Amino acid sequence: MLSAYRIPNQLPDEKVIMIVRKDLFIMFKRVVAFALMLATLIGFVIIMFTLYPTANESEFYPAIVLAASAYLLYIWLFFFFTFIDYYLDTWIITDERIINIEQEGFFSRTISEERLFRIQDVTSEVKGVLPTMFGYGDVYIQTAGEKNRFNFEQVPNPDGIRDVIIRLAEVDRAKQTTETKKEMVGIL
């Protein structure tokens, strides 16, 4: 379980500024899709027993129950995977770095991080009617590292997150410059 008090490979004196997950509206859209799929199953069962009241006595009843059970299992797995993907896709912004934790299926997770002083550009993007109405979008972070772009996808308040990251990167860059100058003076 992710906690603000326990982050991967925490550095000494590192402070968590914010933990970001996808916008709650994204989960709401998927719950509505789950409810529609469930309503389809219930509607099918009601129509089946209304049109064929003796369906539970026929030789096709086990096949109907099997098909309905398989569909219900599919719906449940869809909902469970949606929740796992929503909850475990996390971005942690600290005063030293950005950590991207991405759940890729049930048994696969990728964790990547980037130091703030390496950030070159931060862009926020809101595209479409629903993202504009509900205030969610994407944040793209351009770095000088091997993976040249971090993506925060469908996060709430992307402009605010962009501003926080830019401010933290400037502070960290100034801190790195000061430390470098101190090291240079120590060498000379």
C-alpha atoms as a PDB file:
ATOM      1  CA  MET A   1       0.000   0.000   0.000  1.00  0.00           C
ATOM      2  CA  LEU A   2       1.268   3.422  -0.929  1.00  0.00           C
ATOM      3  CA  SER A   3       1.724   5.917   1.851  1.00  0.00           C
ATOM      4  CA  ALA A   4       3.069   9.445   2.079  1.00  0.00           C
ATOM      5  CA  TYR A   5       5.332   8.172   4.867  1.00  0.00           C
ATOM      6  CA  ARG A   6       6.853   5.305   2.865  1.00  0.00           C
ATOM      7  CA  ILE A   7       7.909   5.919  -0.713  1.00  0.00           C
ATOM      8  CA  PRO A   8      10.264   3.814  -2.853  1.00  0.00           C
ATOM      9  CA  ASN A   9      13.973   4.451  -2.166  1.00  0.00           C
ATOM     10  CA  GLN A  10      13.281   7.503  -0.034  1.00  0.00           C
ATOM     11  CA  LEU A  11      16.220   9.882   0.147  1.00  0.00           C
ATOM     12  CA  PRO A  12      17.378  11.401   3.450  1.00  0.00           C
ATOM     13  CA  ASP A  13      15.324  14.483   4.406  1.00  0.00           C
ATOM     14  CA  GLU A  14      13.096  14.059   1.348  1.00  0.00           C
ATOM     15  CA  LYS A  15       9.611  15.499   1.805  1.00  0.00           C
ATOM     16  CA  VAL A  16       6.526  14.422  -0.132  1.00  0.00           C
ATOM     17  CA  ILE A  17       4.858  17.453  -1.705  1.00  0.00           C
ATOM     18  CA  MET A  18       1.916  15.673  -3.322  1.00  0.00           C
ATOM     19  CA  ILE A  19       0.647  12.272  -4.379  1.00  0.00           C
ATOM     20  CA  VAL A  20      -1.288  12.391  -7.640  1.00  0.00           C
ATOM     21  CA  ARG A  21      -3.685   9.809  -9.064  1.00  0.00           C
ATOM     22  CA  LYS A  22      -5.920   9.906 -12.098  1.00  0.00           C
ATOM     23  CA  ASP A  23      -8.973  12.119 -11.773  1.00  0.00           C
ATOM     24  CA  LEU A  24     -11.941  10.587  -9.960  1.00  0.00           C
ATOM     25  CA  PHE A  25     -14.154  11.301 -12.987  1.00  0.00           C
ATOM     26  CA  ILE A  26     -12.137   8.716 -14.948  1.00  0.00           C
ATOM     27  CA  MET A  27     -13.087   6.073 -12.391  1.00  0.00           C
ATOM     28  CA  PHE A  28     -16.696   7.324 -12.438  1.00  0.00           C
ATOM     29  CA  LYS A  29     -16.887   6.817 -16.223  1.00  0.00           C
ATOM     30  CA  ARG A  30     -15.674   3.262 -15.832  1.00  0.00           C
ATOM     31  CA  VAL A  31     -18.123   2.551 -13.013  1.00  0.00           C
ATOM     32  CA  VAL A  32     -20.933   3.762 -15.292  1.00  0.00           C
ATOM     33  CA  ALA A  33     -19.689   1.363 -18.003  1.00  0.00           C
ATOM     34  CA  PHE A  34     -19.652  -1.419 -15.387  1.00  0.00           C
ATOM     35  CA  ALA A  35     -23.227  -0.570 -14.362  1.00  0.00           C
ATOM     36  CA  LEU A  36     -24.381  -0.602 -18.005  1.00  0.00           C
ATOM     37  CA  MET A  37     -22.825  -4.019 -18.592  1.00  0.00           C
ATOM     38  CA  LEU A  38     -24.468  -5.322 -15.423  1.00  0.00           C
ATOM     39  CA  ALA A  39     -27.832  -3.825 -16.454  1.00  0.00           C
ATOM     40  CA  THR A  40     -27.463  -5.565 -19.829  1.00  0.00           C
ATOM     41  CA  LEU A  41     -27.084  -8.916 -18.082  1.00  0.00           C
ATOM     42  CA  ILE A  42     -30.045  -8.293 -15.775  1.00  0.00           C
ATOM     43  CA  GLY A  43     -32.151  -7.108 -18.735  1.00  0.00           C
ATOM     44  CA  PHE A  44     -31.230 -10.232 -20.691  1.00  0.00           C
ATOM     45  CA  VAL A  45     -32.252 -12.494 -17.807  1.00  0.00           C
ATOM     46  CA  ILE A  46     -35.568 -10.646 -17.310  1.00  0.00           C
ATOM     47  CA  ILE A  47     -36.386 -10.759 -21.034  1.00  0.00           C
ATOM     48  CA  MET A  48     -35.388 -14.419 -21.236  1.00  0.00           C
ATOM     49  CA  PHE A  49     -37.683 -15.489 -18.404  1.00  0.00           C
ATOM     50  CA  THR A  50     -40.509 -13.206 -19.581  1.00  0.00           C
ATOM     51  CA  LEU A  51     -40.511 -14.568 -23.130  1.00  0.00           C
ATOM     52  CA  TYR A  52     -39.727 -18.153 -22.121  1.00  0.00           C
ATOM     53  CA  PRO A  53     -41.210 -18.799 -18.643  1.00  0.00           C
ATOM     54  CA  THR A  54     -40.229 -22.465 -18.827  1.00  0.00           C
ATOM     55  CA  ALA A  55     -36.592 -21.718 -19.746  1.00  0.00           C
ATOM     56  CA  ASN A  56     -35.373 -23.040 -16.390  1.00  0.00           C
ATOM     57  CA  GLU A  57     -36.880 -26.452 -17.235  1.00  0.00           C
ATOM     58  CA  SER A  58     -35.361 -26.722 -20.714  1.00  0.00           C
ATOM     59  CA  GLU A  59     -32.196 -28.551 -21.725  1.00  0.00           C
ATOM     60  CA  PHE A  60     -30.584 -25.158 -22.569  1.00  0.00           C
ATOM     61  CA  TYR A  61     -30.854 -23.846 -19.003  1.00  0.00           C
ATOM     62  CA  PRO A  62     -27.330 -24.978 -17.973  1.00  0.00           C
ATOM     63  CA  ALA A  63     -25.879 -23.289 -21.078  1.00  0.00           C
ATOM     64  CA  ILE A  64     -27.768 -20.081 -20.275  1.00  0.00           C
ATOM     65  CA  VAL A  65     -26.519 -20.132 -16.679  1.00  0.00           C
ATOM     66  CA  LEU A  66     -22.969 -20.835 -17.865  1.00  0.00           C
ATOM     67  CA  ALA A  67     -23.048 -17.984 -20.386  1.00  0.00           C
ATOM     68  CA  ALA A  68     -24.520 -15.558 -17.825  1.00  0.00           C
ATOM     69  CA  SER A  69     -21.921 -16.617 -15.241  1.00  0.00           C
ATOM     70  CA  ALA A  70     -19.052 -16.168 -17.702  1.00  0.00           C
ATOM     71  CA  TYR A  71     -20.357 -12.702 -18.625  1.00  0.00           C
ATOM     72  CA  LEU A  72     -20.718 -11.789 -14.941  1.00  0.00           C
ATOM     73  CA  LEU A  73     -17.143 -12.949 -14.310  1.00  0.00           C
ATOM     74  CA  TYR A  74     -15.953 -10.823 -17.240  1.00  0.00           C
ATOM     75  CA  ILE A  75     -17.778  -7.792 -15.822  1.00  0.00           C
ATOM     76  CA  TRP A  76     -16.291  -8.373 -12.372  1.00  0.00           C
ATOM     77  CA  LEU A  77     -12.744  -8.693 -13.775  1.00  0.00           C
ATOM     78  CA  PHE A  78     -13.268  -5.531 -15.845  1.00  0.00           C
ATOM     79  CA  PHE A  79     -14.317  -3.602 -12.742  1.00  0.00           C
ATOM     80  CA  PHE A  80     -11.555  -5.064 -10.553  1.00  0.00           C
ATOM     81  CA  PHE A  81      -8.840  -4.341 -13.127  1.00  0.00           C
ATOM     82  CA  THR A  82     -10.201  -0.816 -13.607  1.00  0.00           C
ATOM     83  CA  PHE A  83     -10.000  -0.148  -9.874  1.00  0.00           C
ATOM     84  CA  ILE A  84      -6.493  -1.636  -9.583  1.00  0.00           C
ATOM     85  CA  ASP A  85      -5.305   0.451 -12.539  1.00  0.00           C
ATOM     86  CA  TYR A  86      -6.870   3.609 -11.107  1.00  0.00           C
ATOM     87  CA  TYR A  87      -5.593   3.148  -7.559  1.00  0.00           C
ATOM     88  CA  LEU A  88      -2.073   1.898  -8.258  1.00  0.00           C
ATOM     89  CA  ASP A  89      -1.137   4.299 -11.085  1.00  0.00           C
ATOM     90  CA  THR A  90       0.469   6.982  -8.943  1.00  0.00           C
ATOM     91  CA  TRP A  91       2.809   9.915  -9.324  1.00  0.00           C
ATOM     92  CA  ILE A  92       4.679  11.125  -6.244  1.00  0.00           C
ATOM     93  CA  ILE A  93       6.164  14.607  -6.279  1.00  0.00           C
ATOM     94  CA  THR A  94       8.768  15.280  -3.612  1.00  0.00           C
ATOM     95  CA  ASP A  95      11.151  18.153  -3.039  1.00  0.00           C
ATOM     96  CA  GLU A  96      13.957  16.092  -4.670  1.00  0.00           C
ATOM     97  CA  ARG A  97      12.376  14.033  -7.464  1.00  0.00           C
ATOM     98  CA  ILE A  98       9.295  12.754  -9.256  1.00  0.00           C
ATOM     99  CA  ILE A  99       8.378   9.086  -8.945  1.00  0.00           C
ATOM    100  CA  ASN A 100       6.116   7.434 -11.523  1.00  0.00           C
ATOM    101  CA  ILE A 101       4.495   4.163 -10.400  1.00  0.00           C
ATOM    102  CA  GLU A 102       2.598   2.513 -13.226  1.00  0.00           C
ATOM    103  CA  GLN A 103       0.596  -0.681 -12.835  1.00  0.00           C
ATOM    104  CA  GLU A 104       0.619  -2.608 -16.118  1.00  0.00           C
ATOM    105  CA  GLY A 105      -1.778  -5.484 -15.571  1.00  0.00           C
ATOM    106  CA  PHE A 106      -2.322  -7.462 -12.416  1.00  0.00           C
ATOM    107  CA  PHE A 107       1.231  -8.681 -11.910  1.00  0.00           C
ATOM    108  CA  SER A 108       3.428  -6.072 -13.546  1.00  0.00           C
ATOM    109  CA  ARG A 109       4.512  -2.700 -12.200  1.00  0.00           C
ATOM    110  CA  THR A 110       7.022  -0.155 -13.461  1.00  0.00           C
ATOM    111  CA  ILE A 111       8.568   2.418 -11.146  1.00  0.00           C
ATOM    112  CA  SER A 112      10.646   5.213 -12.616  1.00  0.00           C
ATOM    113  CA  GLU A 113      11.987   8.400 -11.110  1.00  0.00           C
ATOM    114  CA  GLU A 114      13.610  11.601 -12.220  1.00  0.00           C
ATOM    115  CA  ARG A 115      15.501  14.190 -10.231  1.00  0.00           C
ATOM    116  CA  LEU A 116      13.928  17.644 -10.320  1.00  0.00           C
ATOM    117  CA  PHE A 117      17.070  19.508 -11.427  1.00  0.00           C
ATOM    118  CA  ARG A 118      17.049  17.480 -14.687  1.00  0.00           C
ATOM    119  CA  ILE A 119      13.635  18.751 -15.722  1.00  0.00           C
ATOM    120  CA  GLN A 120      13.832  20.907 -18.827  1.00  0.00           C
ATOM    121  CA  ASP A 121      10.174  21.582 -19.649  1.00  0.00           C
ATOM    122  CA  VAL A 122       6.759  20.970 -18.075  1.00  0.00           C
ATOM    123  CA  THR A 123       3.602  21.160 -20.193  1.00  0.00           C
ATOM    124  CA  SER A 124      -0.032  20.740 -19.164  1.00  0.00           C
ATOM    125  CA  GLU A 125      -2.707  19.841 -21.682  1.00  0.00           C
ATOM    126  CA  VAL A 126      -6.490  19.757 -21.405  1.00  0.00           C
ATOM    127  CA  LYS A 127      -8.242  18.475 -24.551  1.00  0.00           C
ATOM    128  CA  GLY A 128     -11.951  17.943 -25.030  1.00  0.00           C
ATOM    129  CA  VAL A 129     -15.259  18.996 -23.534  1.00  0.00           C
ATOM    130  CA  LEU A 130     -15.360  16.663 -20.520  1.00  0.00           C
ATOM    131  CA  PRO A 131     -11.757  17.329 -19.444  1.00  0.00           C
ATOM    132  CA  THR A 132     -12.395  21.073 -19.698  1.00  0.00           C
ATOM    133  CA  MET A 133     -15.657  20.838 -17.735  1.00  0.00           C
ATOM    134  CA  PHE A 134     -14.267  18.609 -15.006  1.00  0.00           C
ATOM    135  CA  GLY A 135     -10.760  20.104 -14.888  1.00  0.00           C
ATOM    136  CA  TYR A 136      -8.554  17.124 -15.665  1.00  0.00           C
ATOM    137  CA  GLY A 137      -5.864  16.601 -18.257  1.00  0.00           C
ATOM    138  CA  ASP A 138      -2.299  15.506 -18.884  1.00  0.00           C
ATOM    139  CA  VAL A 139       1.043  16.849 -17.662  1.00  0.00           C
ATOM    140  CA  TYR A 140       4.153  16.171 -19.751  1.00  0.00           C
ATOM    141  CA  ILE A 141       7.606  16.513 -18.221  1.00  0.00           C
ATOM    142  CA  GLN A 142      10.566  16.793 -20.587  1.00  0.00           C
ATOM    143  CA  THR A 143      13.864  15.727 -19.018  1.00  0.00           C
ATOM    144  CA  ALA A 144      17.475  15.284 -20.030  1.00  0.00           C
ATOM    145  CA  GLY A 145      17.442  11.679 -18.875  1.00  0.00           C
ATOM    146  CA  GLU A 146      17.182   8.416 -20.793  1.00  0.00           C
ATOM    147  CA  LYS A 147      13.377   8.485 -20.773  1.00  0.00           C
ATOM    148  CA  ASN A 148      12.929  11.975 -22.105  1.00  0.00           C
ATOM    149  CA  ARG A 149       9.289  12.435 -21.167  1.00  0.00           C
ATOM    150  CA  PHE A 150       7.215  11.629 -18.064  1.00  0.00           C
ATOM    151  CA  ASN A 151       3.471  11.593 -18.608  1.00  0.00           C
ATOM    152  CA  PHE A 152       0.906  12.259 -15.910  1.00  0.00           C
ATOM    153  CA  GLU A 153      -2.258  11.060 -17.652  1.00  0.00           C
ATOM    154  CA  GLN A 154      -5.781  12.258 -16.817  1.00  0.00           C
ATOM    155  CA  VAL A 155      -4.838  13.967 -13.561  1.00  0.00           C
ATOM    156  CA  PRO A 156      -6.914  16.610 -11.766  1.00  0.00           C
ATOM    157  CA  ASN A 157      -5.783  20.249 -12.019  1.00  0.00           C
ATOM    158  CA  PRO A 158      -2.941  19.750 -14.521  1.00  0.00           C
ATOM    159  CA  ASP A 159      -2.091  23.471 -14.541  1.00  0.00           C
ATOM    160  CA  GLY A 160      -1.604  23.476 -10.759  1.00  0.00           C
ATOM    161  CA  ILE A 161       0.565  20.353 -10.906  1.00  0.00           C
ATOM    162  CA  ARG A 162       2.653  21.935 -13.687  1.00  0.00           C
ATOM    163  CA  ASP A 163       3.179  25.080 -11.592  1.00  0.00           C
ATOM    164  CA  VAL A 164       4.224  23.055  -8.527  1.00  0.00           C
ATOM    165  CA  ILE A 165       6.725  21.013 -10.546  1.00  0.00           C
ATOM    166  CA  ILE A 166       8.219  24.110 -12.210  1.00  0.00           C
ATOM    167  CA  ARG A 167       8.620  25.845  -8.842  1.00  0.00           C
ATOM    168  CA  LEU A 168      10.192  22.758  -7.236  1.00  0.00           C
ATOM    169  CA  ALA A 169      12.539  22.264 -10.205  1.00  0.00           C
ATOM    170  CA  GLU A 170      13.765  25.876  -9.962  1.00  0.00           C
ATOM    171  CA  VAL A 171      14.386  25.523  -6.229  1.00  0.00           C
ATOM    172  CA  ASP A 172      16.202  22.201  -6.710  1.00  0.00           C
ATOM    173  CA  ARG A 173      18.295  23.610  -9.575  1.00  0.00           C
ATOM    174  CA  ALA A 174      19.358  26.535  -7.373  1.00  0.00           C
ATOM    175  CA  LYS A 175      20.209  24.108  -4.567  1.00  0.00           C
ATOM    176  CA  GLN A 176      22.269  21.922  -6.934  1.00  0.00           C
ATOM    177  CA  THR A 177      24.138  24.991  -8.234  1.00  0.00           C
ATOM    178  CA  THR A 178      24.964  26.102  -4.680  1.00  0.00           C
ATOM    179  CA  GLU A 179      26.213  22.611  -3.760  1.00  0.00           C
ATOM    180  CA  THR A 180      28.337  22.457  -6.926  1.00  0.00           C
ATOM    181  CA  LYS A 181      29.922  25.828  -6.135  1.00  0.00           C
ATOM    182  CA  LYS A 182      30.714  24.649  -2.583  1.00  0.00           C
ATOM    183  CA  GLU A 183      32.363  21.514  -3.959  1.00  0.00           C
ATOM    184  CA  MET A 184      34.413  23.575  -6.413  1.00  0.00           C
ATOM    185  CA  VAL A 185      35.600  25.891  -3.622  1.00  0.00           C
ATOM    186  CA  GLY A 186      36.523  22.842  -1.527  1.00  0.00           C
ATOM    187  CA  ILE A 187      38.602  21.425  -4.406  1.00  0.00           C
ATOM    188  CA  LEU A 188      40.495  24.685  -5.024  1.00  0.00           C
END
